[in-house]
Amino acid sequence: MFGLRLPELLLILLAVLLLFGGNKLPQLGKGLGESVRSFRRALREAKSDEPEPAAKEETTVRAK
């Protein structure tokens, strides 16, 4: 995962704990999860709003 191993992940977790404290972590996780869900929903809606490409009409060229 992004080239991070266990020691690096533990160091990042420790830094987050020191910056925000244990009480804020659940709120931060909830906010992050809601943001990701909202972003994915917007992507799905953008894809469904795109018009379907028109079906290619087959044209035959008559030889003269």
Protein backbone atom coordinates (compact mmCIF):
# COMPACT_ATOMS: atom_id res chain seq x y z
CA MET A 1 0.00 0.00 0.00
CA PHE A 2 1.86 3.08 -1.27
CA GLY A 3 5.16 1.44 -0.33
CA LEU A 4 4.50 1.97 3.40
CA ARG A 5 5.41 -0.79 5.78
CA LEU A 6 4.32 -1.35 9.36
CA PRO A 7 6.91 0.93 11.05
CA GLU A 8 5.98 3.86 8.80
CA LEU A 9 2.26 3.32 9.37
CA LEU A 10 2.76 3.17 13.15
CA LEU A 11 4.75 6.40 13.06
CA ILE A 12 1.99 8.13 11.08
CA LEU A 13 -0.64 6.82 13.50
CA LEU A 14 1.38 8.09 16.46
CA ALA A 15 1.72 11.53 14.86
CA VAL A 16 -2.04 11.69 14.21
CA LEU A 17 -2.75 10.69 17.81
CA LEU A 18 -0.43 13.41 19.10
CA LEU A 19 -1.90 16.07 16.82
CA PHE A 20 -5.61 15.36 17.26
CA GLY A 21 -5.88 13.32 20.44
CA GLY A 22 -7.82 10.12 20.97
CA ASN A 23 -11.19 11.83 21.33
CA LYS A 24 -11.11 13.44 17.88
CA LEU A 25 -10.11 10.32 15.91
CA PRO A 26 -13.63 8.84 15.58
CA GLN A 27 -14.94 12.19 14.32
CA LEU A 28 -12.09 12.47 11.82
CA GLY A 29 -12.72 8.93 10.57
CA LYS A 30 -16.43 9.58 10.19
CA GLY A 31 -15.81 12.80 8.27
CA LEU A 32 -13.30 11.10 5.99
CA GLY A 33 -15.68 8.21 5.29
CA GLU A 34 -18.54 10.58 4.46
CA SER A 35 -16.28 12.55 2.13
CA VAL A 36 -15.20 9.42 0.26
CA ARG A 37 -18.82 8.24 -0.08
CA SER A 38 -19.90 11.63 -1.37
CA PHE A 39 -17.07 11.70 -3.90
CA ARG A 40 -17.90 8.20 -5.18
CA ARG A 41 -21.60 9.09 -5.44
CA ALA A 42 -20.73 12.20 -7.47
CA LEU A 43 -18.57 10.10 -9.82
CA ARG A 44 -21.40 7.61 -10.36
CA GLU A 45 -23.88 10.41 -11.05
CA ALA A 46 -21.49 12.07 -13.49
CA LYS A 47 -21.12 8.80 -15.39
CA SER A 48 -24.87 8.25 -15.53
CA ASP A 49 -25.47 11.84 -16.73
CA GLU A 50 -23.21 11.42 -19.76
CA PRO A 51 -25.21 10.85 -22.93
CA GLU A 52 -24.85 7.46 -24.52
CA PRO A 53 -22.82 7.53 -27.71
CA ALA A 54 -25.08 7.40 -30.73
CA ALA A 55 -25.27 4.01 -32.35
CA LYS A 56 -23.09 3.93 -35.41
CA GLU A 57 -25.18 3.73 -38.49
CA GLU A 58 -23.78 1.36 -40.99
CA THR A 59 -23.61 2.97 -44.35
CA THR A 60 -22.91 0.97 -47.39
CA VAL A 61 -21.09 2.49 -50.28
CA ARG A 62 -22.38 1.34 -53.60
CA ALA A 63 -19.85 0.72 -56.30
CA LYS A 64 -20.65 2.47 -59.56
